[in-house]
Amino acid sequence: MPATRSAERTEFLTDVFTTAMEGGVSYWASVLEYRHTESPRAVLVHTEELILDHETMSWVPGPDAEELIVDLDVVARGISRIVKGEVDYLPETHRARIAAASRENDMMPANGRHGDIDAGIAEHVVQAALFGAIVHG
C-alpha cells in the first residue's frame, strides 16, 4: 500500500524520479517503460542485459534480464537510506545535498549550501533504493 504523502512531498519525489529517469540512469540502465504523471512508475533493465533483436535492429531485454521497478516509494526508500547513512560508496557531498533537499521537499534547497539535486545525484537515490549501495559510476 502506497504511503500517504503531502502534495509537496509527492511533487518533490516526482521531481527526483523524473530527473533520474530522464537522464540519470541512462549510463547503466535502459528505461523500458516510463510515466511521470498519474502514479509515476518506470521499468528499467541493466544495459548489459540487453541483446540486439536482428529483426527490428533494436536493443531488447535478454531472456534472463531482470526488470527493476521504480516508483515514488522506491525513491522515498532511497532517500531514507541515504539520509540515514546506510548507503555504501556515496560521496558525502551527495548525502548532504539529498538530506537538505529532503528536509525542504525541494530539489534546490533555499539554504544553498549544498547545491541542488541533479541527474547524477537523483540516479544515486535510485541505486540506493534498488541495491543499497552505489554500484554504478
Protein backbone atom coordinates (compact mmCIF):
# COMPACT_ATOMS: atom_id res chain seq x y z
CA MET A 1 0.00 0.00 0.00
CA PRO A 2 1.49 3.36 -1.02
CA ALA A 3 2.43 5.78 1.73
CA THR A 4 0.21 8.79 2.37
CA ARG A 5 2.17 11.91 1.45
CA SER A 6 1.55 15.61 1.30
CA ALA A 7 1.21 17.16 -2.13
CA GLU A 8 4.53 18.95 -1.55
CA ARG A 9 6.33 15.68 -0.72
CA THR A 10 4.77 13.91 -3.70
CA GLU A 11 5.91 16.71 -6.01
CA PHE A 12 9.46 16.53 -4.61
CA LEU A 13 9.66 12.74 -5.01
CA THR A 14 8.23 13.04 -8.53
CA ASP A 15 10.89 15.63 -9.41
CA VAL A 16 13.67 13.32 -8.18
CA PHE A 17 12.09 10.37 -10.03
CA THR A 18 11.75 12.31 -13.30
CA THR A 19 15.31 13.66 -13.09
CA ALA A 20 16.69 10.15 -12.57
CA MET A 21 14.64 8.59 -15.37
CA GLU A 22 15.19 11.35 -17.92
CA GLY A 23 18.94 11.37 -17.75
CA GLY A 24 20.45 10.00 -14.58
CA VAL A 25 20.16 6.24 -15.03
CA SER A 26 20.86 6.17 -18.76
CA TYR A 27 24.52 5.16 -18.41
CA TRP A 28 23.69 1.89 -16.64
CA ALA A 29 20.03 1.17 -17.42
CA SER A 30 17.60 1.21 -20.27
CA VAL A 31 14.16 2.58 -19.42
CA LEU A 32 11.65 0.12 -20.90
CA GLU A 33 8.51 1.80 -19.58
CA TYR A 34 8.07 5.25 -18.09
CA ARG A 35 5.30 7.52 -16.90
CA HIS A 36 5.87 10.61 -14.81
CA THR A 37 2.25 11.58 -14.18
CA GLU A 38 -0.60 9.67 -12.57
CA SER A 39 1.35 7.34 -10.29
CA PRO A 40 4.91 7.77 -11.61
CA ARG A 41 6.47 4.43 -12.49
CA ALA A 42 9.34 3.14 -14.59
CA VAL A 43 10.69 -0.26 -15.57
CA LEU A 44 14.46 -0.46 -16.02
CA VAL A 45 16.85 -3.15 -17.17
CA HIS A 46 20.64 -3.08 -16.91
CA THR A 47 22.17 -2.17 -20.27
CA GLU A 48 24.46 -5.21 -20.15
CA GLU A 49 21.32 -7.38 -20.12
CA LEU A 50 20.16 -6.03 -23.50
CA ILE A 51 20.56 -8.02 -26.69
CA LEU A 52 20.21 -6.95 -30.31
CA ASP A 53 16.98 -8.05 -31.98
CA HIS A 54 18.22 -8.58 -35.55
CA GLU A 55 14.70 -8.44 -36.95
CA THR A 56 13.93 -4.97 -35.64
CA MET A 57 17.56 -3.87 -35.19
CA SER A 58 16.76 -2.60 -31.71
CA TRP A 59 18.09 -3.46 -28.27
CA VAL A 60 15.70 -5.55 -26.18
CA PRO A 61 15.97 -7.26 -22.80
CA GLY A 62 17.64 -10.65 -22.98
CA PRO A 63 15.86 -13.77 -21.76
CA ASP A 64 17.39 -13.53 -18.27
CA ALA A 65 17.12 -9.75 -17.89
CA GLU A 66 15.82 -8.60 -14.53
CA GLU A 67 13.27 -5.81 -14.68
CA LEU A 68 13.73 -3.19 -11.98
CA ILE A 69 10.60 -1.29 -10.96
CA VAL A 70 10.98 2.31 -9.81
CA ASP A 71 8.13 4.35 -8.36
CA LEU A 72 7.76 7.04 -5.71
CA ASP A 73 8.01 4.51 -2.87
CA VAL A 74 11.35 3.36 -4.28
CA VAL A 75 12.58 6.96 -4.49
CA ALA A 76 11.45 7.60 -0.91
CA ARG A 77 13.26 4.44 0.26
CA GLY A 78 16.46 5.57 -1.49
CA ILE A 79 16.31 9.00 0.11
CA SER A 80 15.69 7.47 3.53
CA ARG A 81 18.63 5.08 3.21
CA ILE A 82 20.92 7.90 2.10
CA VAL A 83 19.86 10.31 4.85
CA LYS A 84 20.34 7.57 7.48
CA GLY A 85 23.86 6.88 6.19
CA GLU A 86 23.06 3.32 5.13
CA VAL A 87 24.44 3.56 1.57
CA ASP A 88 27.96 2.48 0.66
CA TYR A 89 30.10 4.31 -1.92
CA LEU A 90 28.07 7.52 -1.88
CA PRO A 91 30.05 10.77 -1.79
CA GLU A 92 29.36 12.65 1.45
CA THR A 93 28.54 15.79 -0.55
CA HIS A 94 25.70 13.89 -2.25
CA ARG A 95 24.31 12.71 1.09
CA ALA A 96 24.33 16.30 2.38
CA ARG A 97 22.56 17.59 -0.75
CA ILE A 98 19.91 14.89 -0.60
CA ALA A 99 19.32 15.45 3.13
CA ALA A 100 18.91 19.21 2.64
CA ALA A 101 16.58 18.75 -0.34
CA SER A 102 14.56 16.13 1.53
CA ARG A 103 14.11 18.39 4.57
CA GLU A 104 12.77 21.17 2.36
CA ASN A 105 10.95 18.99 -0.19
CA ASP A 106 12.77 20.95 -2.85
CA MET A 107 15.44 19.80 -5.30
CA MET A 108 17.05 23.23 -5.00
CA PRO A 109 17.10 23.91 -1.24
CA ALA A 110 16.89 27.54 -0.22
CA ASN A 111 19.90 27.44 2.08
CA GLY A 112 22.10 26.99 -1.00
CA ARG A 113 24.96 25.44 0.95
CA HIS A 114 24.53 22.02 -0.53
CA GLY A 115 23.54 22.75 -4.13
CA ASP A 116 20.74 21.06 -5.97
CA ILE A 117 19.77 17.53 -6.93
CA ASP A 118 20.97 16.95 -10.49
CA ALA A 119 20.60 13.84 -12.69
CA GLY A 120 23.69 12.16 -11.22
CA ILE A 121 22.52 12.59 -7.66
CA ALA A 122 18.93 11.61 -8.49
CA GLU A 123 20.11 8.34 -10.01
CA HIS A 124 22.14 7.68 -6.85
CA VAL A 125 18.82 7.80 -4.99
CA VAL A 126 17.51 5.08 -7.32
CA GLN A 127 20.64 2.95 -6.87
CA ALA A 128 20.43 3.36 -3.08
CA ALA A 129 16.86 2.08 -3.13
CA LEU A 130 17.40 -0.79 -5.57
CA PHE A 131 20.84 -2.01 -4.48
CA GLY A 132 21.55 -0.50 -1.06
CA ALA A 133 24.82 0.92 -2.43
CA ILE A 134 26.15 2.91 -5.35
CA VAL A 135 27.21 0.13 -7.72
CA HIS A 136 27.38 2.10 -10.99
CA GLY A 137 29.53 5.16 -11.53
